[in-house]
Amino acid sequence: MVYGTSLPTAKQNTQQVHFKNNLSRRAVALSIFTKLLVLLDQKITVTSFYQDKY
């Protein structure tokens, strides 16, 4: 009886771990993407600032 109940929970655990891994990968990708966007935005503002100044 214990064996019968432990099998589906193990399957659920692997599914949860897989889901968490996917979420963390997406979060990392999103943060990298956001940092790139911020860097691009800063670069654009800096170049336009210099163009306005000189």
PDB file of N, CA and C in Angstrom:
ATOM      1  N   MET A   1       0.830  -1.205   0.000  1.00  0.00           N
ATOM      2  CA  MET A   1       0.000   0.000   0.000  1.00  0.00           C
ATOM      3  C   MET A   1       0.873   1.267   0.000  1.00  0.00           C
ATOM      4  N   VAL A   2       1.905   1.248   0.794  1.00  0.00           N
ATOM      5  CA  VAL A   2       2.811   2.396   0.834  1.00  0.00           C
ATOM      6  C   VAL A   2       3.496   2.562  -0.518  1.00  0.00           C
ATOM      7  N   TYR A   3       3.885   1.443  -1.115  1.00  0.00           N
ATOM      8  CA  TYR A   3       4.558   1.476  -2.422  1.00  0.00           C
ATOM      9  C   TYR A   3       3.646   2.068  -3.486  1.00  0.00           C
ATOM     10  N   GLY A   4       2.352   1.735  -3.401  1.00  0.00           N
ATOM     11  CA  GLY A   4       1.394   2.230  -4.392  1.00  0.00           C
ATOM     12  C   GLY A   4       1.221   3.741  -4.297  1.00  0.00           C
ATOM     13  N   THR A   5       1.290   4.285  -3.095  1.00  0.00           N
ATOM     14  CA  THR A   5       1.109   5.728  -2.938  1.00  0.00           C
ATOM     15  C   THR A   5       2.408   6.487  -3.201  1.00  0.00           C
ATOM     16  N   SER A   6       3.549   5.832  -3.002  1.00  0.00           N
ATOM     17  CA  SER A   6       4.816   6.548  -3.177  1.00  0.00           C
ATOM     18  C   SER A   6       5.157   6.737  -4.645  1.00  0.00           C
ATOM     19  N   LEU A   7       4.638   5.888  -5.500  1.00  0.00           N
ATOM     20  CA  LEU A   7       4.962   5.994  -6.925  1.00  0.00           C
ATOM     21  C   LEU A   7       4.412   7.268  -7.563  1.00  0.00           C
ATOM     22  N   PRO A   8       3.130   7.568  -7.423  1.00  0.00           N
ATOM     23  CA  PRO A   8       2.621   8.800  -8.042  1.00  0.00           C
ATOM     24  C   PRO A   8       3.227  10.064  -7.433  1.00  0.00           C
ATOM     25  N   THR A   9       3.536  10.037  -6.143  1.00  0.00           N
ATOM     26  CA  THR A   9       4.134  11.229  -5.536  1.00  0.00           C
ATOM     27  C   THR A   9       5.524  11.474  -6.113  1.00  0.00           C
ATOM     28  N   ALA A  10       6.259  10.402  -6.387  1.00  0.00           N
ATOM     29  CA  ALA A  10       7.580  10.552  -7.004  1.00  0.00           C
ATOM     30  C   ALA A  10       7.427  11.161  -8.391  1.00  0.00           C
ATOM     31  N   LYS A  11       6.404  10.715  -9.111  1.00  0.00           N
ATOM     32  CA  LYS A  11       6.154  11.269 -10.442  1.00  0.00           C
ATOM     33  C   LYS A  11       5.792  12.752 -10.325  1.00  0.00           C
ATOM     34  N   GLN A  12       4.963  13.084  -9.352  1.00  0.00           N
ATOM     35  CA  GLN A  12       4.591  14.489  -9.142  1.00  0.00           C
ATOM     36  C   GLN A  12       5.823  15.320  -8.792  1.00  0.00           C
ATOM     37  N   ASN A  13       6.705  14.748  -7.967  1.00  0.00           N
ATOM     38  CA  ASN A  13       7.916  15.472  -7.576  1.00  0.00           C
ATOM     39  C   ASN A  13       8.784  15.775  -8.784  1.00  0.00           C
ATOM     40  N   THR A  14       8.956  14.791  -9.668  1.00  0.00           N
ATOM     41  CA  THR A  14       9.781  15.027 -10.856  1.00  0.00           C
ATOM     42  C   THR A  14       9.129  16.075 -11.748  1.00  0.00           C
ATOM     43  N   GLN A  15       7.803  16.038 -11.841  1.00  0.00           N
ATOM     44  CA  GLN A  15       7.104  17.042 -12.649  1.00  0.00           C
ATOM     45  C   GLN A  15       7.290  18.427 -12.039  1.00  0.00           C
ATOM     46  N   GLN A  16       7.196  18.519 -10.717  1.00  0.00           N
ATOM     47  CA  GLN A  16       7.366  19.812 -10.047  1.00  0.00           C
ATOM     48  C   GLN A  16       8.783  20.342 -10.238  1.00  0.00           C
ATOM     49  N   VAL A  17       9.767  19.450 -10.129  1.00  0.00           N
ATOM     50  CA  VAL A  17      11.162  19.860 -10.315  1.00  0.00           C
ATOM     51  C   VAL A  17      11.371  20.348 -11.738  1.00  0.00           C
ATOM     52  N   HIS A  18      10.823  19.616 -12.697  1.00  0.00           N
ATOM     53  CA  HIS A  18      10.932  20.011 -14.104  1.00  0.00           C
ATOM     54  C   HIS A  18      10.293  21.382 -14.319  1.00  0.00           C
ATOM     55  N   PHE A  19       9.125  21.577 -13.715  1.00  0.00           N
ATOM     56  CA  PHE A  19       8.413  22.847 -13.845  1.00  0.00           C
ATOM     57  C   PHE A  19       9.230  23.986 -13.239  1.00  0.00           C
ATOM     58  N   LYS A  20       9.808  23.738 -12.067  1.00  0.00           N
ATOM     59  CA  LYS A  20      10.616  24.769 -11.408  1.00  0.00           C
ATOM     60  C   LYS A  20      11.852  25.095 -12.239  1.00  0.00           C
ATOM     61  N   ASN A  21      12.471  24.061 -12.824  1.00  0.00           N
ATOM     62  CA  ASN A  21      13.646  24.298 -13.670  1.00  0.00           C
ATOM     63  C   ASN A  21      13.274  25.165 -14.862  1.00  0.00           C
ATOM     64  N   ASN A  22      12.136  24.876 -15.478  1.00  0.00           N
ATOM     65  CA  ASN A  22      11.681  25.677 -16.614  1.00  0.00           C
ATOM     66  C   ASN A  22      11.442  27.118 -16.182  1.00  0.00           C
ATOM     67  N   LEU A  23      10.814  27.290 -15.024  1.00  0.00           N
ATOM     68  CA  LEU A  23      10.529  28.637 -14.527  1.00  0.00           C
ATOM     69  C   LEU A  23      11.820  29.404 -14.274  1.00  0.00           C
ATOM     70  N   SER A  24      12.791  28.746 -13.635  1.00  0.00           N
ATOM     71  CA  SER A  24      14.044  29.444 -13.329  1.00  0.00           C
ATOM     72  C   SER A  24      14.791  29.793 -14.607  1.00  0.00           C
ATOM     73  N   ARG A  25      14.743  28.896 -15.596  1.00  0.00           N
ATOM     74  CA  ARG A  25      15.407  29.192 -16.872  1.00  0.00           C
ATOM     75  C   ARG A  25      14.752  30.389 -17.535  1.00  0.00           C
ATOM     76  N   ARG A  26      13.433  30.422 -17.498  1.00  0.00           N
ATOM     77  CA  ARG A  26      12.722  31.559 -18.096  1.00  0.00           C
ATOM     78  C   ARG A  26      13.043  32.842 -17.350  1.00  0.00           C
ATOM     79  N   ALA A  27      13.120  32.755 -16.023  1.00  0.00           N
ATOM     80  CA  ALA A  27      13.423  33.941 -15.221  1.00  0.00           C
ATOM     81  C   ALA A  27      14.819  34.465 -15.544  1.00  0.00           C
ATOM     82  N   VAL A  28      15.774  33.559 -15.683  1.00  0.00           N
ATOM     83  CA  VAL A  28      17.147  33.962 -16.014  1.00  0.00           C
ATOM     84  C   VAL A  28      17.187  34.604 -17.394  1.00  0.00           C
ATOM     85  N   ALA A  29      16.515  33.976 -18.354  1.00  0.00           N
ATOM     86  CA  ALA A  29      16.490  34.520 -19.714  1.00  0.00           C
ATOM     87  C   ALA A  29      15.839  35.899 -19.720  1.00  0.00           C
ATOM     88  N   LEU A  30      14.762  36.033 -18.944  1.00  0.00           N
ATOM     89  CA  LEU A  30      14.050  37.309 -18.889  1.00  0.00           C
ATOM     90  C   LEU A  30      14.927  38.394 -18.266  1.00  0.00           C
ATOM     91  N   SER A  31      15.634  38.045 -17.190  1.00  0.00           N
ATOM     92  CA  SER A  31      16.491  39.043 -16.541  1.00  0.00           C
ATOM     93  C   SER A  31      17.633  39.465 -17.457  1.00  0.00           C
ATOM     94  N   ILE A  32      18.212  38.504 -18.178  1.00  0.00           N
ATOM     95  CA  ILE A  32      19.289  38.836 -19.123  1.00  0.00           C
ATOM     96  C   ILE A  32      18.757  39.743 -20.222  1.00  0.00           C
ATOM     97  N   PHE A  33      17.580  39.395 -20.734  1.00  0.00           N
ATOM     98  CA  PHE A  33      16.954  40.194 -21.792  1.00  0.00           C
ATOM     99  C   PHE A  33      16.682  41.614 -21.304  1.00  0.00           C
ATOM    100  N   THR A  34      16.178  41.724 -20.069  1.00  0.00           N
ATOM    101  CA  THR A  34      15.887  43.044 -19.506  1.00  0.00           C
ATOM    102  C   THR A  34      17.166  43.857 -19.339  1.00  0.00           C
ATOM    103  N   LYS A  35      18.237  43.197 -18.868  1.00  0.00           N
ATOM    104  CA  LYS A  35      19.509  43.905 -18.704  1.00  0.00           C
ATOM    105  C   LYS A  35      20.023  44.406 -20.041  1.00  0.00           C
ATOM    106  N   LEU A  36      19.892  43.573 -21.073  1.00  0.00           N
ATOM    107  CA  LEU A  36      20.329  43.987 -22.410  1.00  0.00           C
ATOM    108  C   LEU A  36      19.527  45.193 -22.884  1.00  0.00           C
ATOM    109  N   LEU A  37      18.212  45.145 -22.653  1.00  0.00           N
ATOM    110  CA  LEU A  37      17.366  46.264 -23.063  1.00  0.00           C
ATOM    111  C   LEU A  37      17.764  47.536 -22.333  1.00  0.00           C
ATOM    112  N   VAL A  38      18.021  47.419 -21.042  1.00  0.00           N
ATOM    113  CA  VAL A  38      18.420  48.587 -20.253  1.00  0.00           C
ATOM    114  C   VAL A  38      19.750  49.138 -20.759  1.00  0.00           C
ATOM    115  N   LEU A  39      20.689  48.239 -21.060  1.00  0.00           N
ATOM    116  CA  LEU A  39      21.990  48.675 -21.584  1.00  0.00           C
ATOM    117  C   LEU A  39      21.826  49.387 -22.917  1.00  0.00           C
ATOM    118  N   LEU A  40      21.006  48.817 -23.790  1.00  0.00           N
ATOM    119  CA  LEU A  40      20.755  49.453 -25.084  1.00  0.00           C
ATOM    120  C   LEU A  40      20.135  50.825 -24.890  1.00  0.00           C
ATOM    121  N   ASP A  41      19.174  50.899 -23.978  1.00  0.00           N
ATOM    122  CA  ASP A  41      18.497  52.169 -23.713  1.00  0.00           C
ATOM    123  C   ASP A  41      19.492  53.206 -23.200  1.00  0.00           C
ATOM    124  N   GLN A  42      20.368  52.799 -22.287  1.00  0.00           N
ATOM    125  CA  GLN A  42      21.371  53.721 -21.759  1.00  0.00           C
ATOM    126  C   GLN A  42      22.314  54.183 -22.861  1.00  0.00           C
ATOM    127  N   LYS A  43      22.703  53.256 -23.725  1.00  0.00           N
ATOM    128  CA  LYS A  43      23.618  53.604 -24.817  1.00  0.00           C
ATOM    129  C   LYS A  43      22.973  54.637 -25.735  1.00  0.00           C
ATOM    130  N   ILE A  44      21.696  54.436 -26.034  1.00  0.00           N
ATOM    131  CA  ILE A  44      20.976  55.366 -26.914  1.00  0.00           C
ATOM    132  C   ILE A  44      20.887  56.745 -26.259  1.00  0.00           C
ATOM    133  N   THR A  45      20.565  56.779 -24.969  1.00  0.00           N
ATOM    134  CA  THR A  45      20.435  58.070 -24.285  1.00  0.00           C
ATOM    135  C   THR A  45      21.789  58.770 -24.206  1.00  0.00           C
ATOM    136  N   VAL A  46      22.859  58.002 -23.992  1.00  0.00           N
ATOM    137  CA  VAL A  46      24.197  58.603 -23.913  1.00  0.00           C
ATOM    138  C   VAL A  46      24.594  59.191 -25.259  1.00  0.00           C
ATOM    139  N   THR A  47      24.369  58.448 -26.342  1.00  0.00           N
ATOM    140  CA  THR A  47      24.761  58.952 -27.666  1.00  0.00           C
ATOM    141  C   THR A  47      23.928  60.170 -28.043  1.00  0.00           C
ATOM    142  N   SER A  48      22.647  60.147 -27.745  1.00  0.00           N
ATOM    143  CA  SER A  48      21.814  61.305 -28.079  1.00  0.00           C
ATOM    144  C   SER A  48      22.209  62.505 -27.214  1.00  0.00           C
ATOM    145  N   PHE A  49      22.602  62.231 -25.973  1.00  0.00           N
ATOM    146  CA  PHE A  49      23.048  63.302 -25.087  1.00  0.00           C
ATOM    147  C   PHE A  49      24.304  63.969 -25.648  1.00  0.00           C
ATOM    148  N   TYR A  50      25.242  63.152 -26.118  1.00  0.00           N
ATOM    149  CA  TYR A  50      26.469  63.708 -26.704  1.00  0.00           C
ATOM    150  C   TYR A  50      26.183  64.457 -27.999  1.00  0.00           C
ATOM    151  N   GLN A  51      25.252  63.939 -28.782  1.00  0.00           N
ATOM    152  CA  GLN A  51      24.908  64.612 -30.029  1.00  0.00           C
ATOM    153  C   GLN A  51      24.273  65.970 -29.740  1.00  0.00           C
ATOM    154  N   ASP A  52      23.472  66.029 -28.683  1.00  0.00           N
ATOM    155  CA  ASP A  52      22.849  67.309 -28.330  1.00  0.00           C
ATOM    156  C   ASP A  52      23.895  68.288 -27.801  1.00  0.00           C
ATOM    157  N   LYS A  53      24.874  67.757 -27.068  1.00  0.00           N
ATOM    158  CA  LYS A  53      25.852  68.622 -26.427  1.00  0.00           C
ATOM    159  C   LYS A  53      26.831  69.197 -27.441  1.00  0.00           C
ATOM    160  N   TYR A  54      27.272  68.368 -28.396  1.00  0.00           N
ATOM    161  CA  TYR A  54      28.313  68.823 -29.319  1.00  0.00           C
ATOM    162  C   TYR A  54      27.779  69.027 -30.710  1.00  0.00           C
TER     163      TYR A  54
END
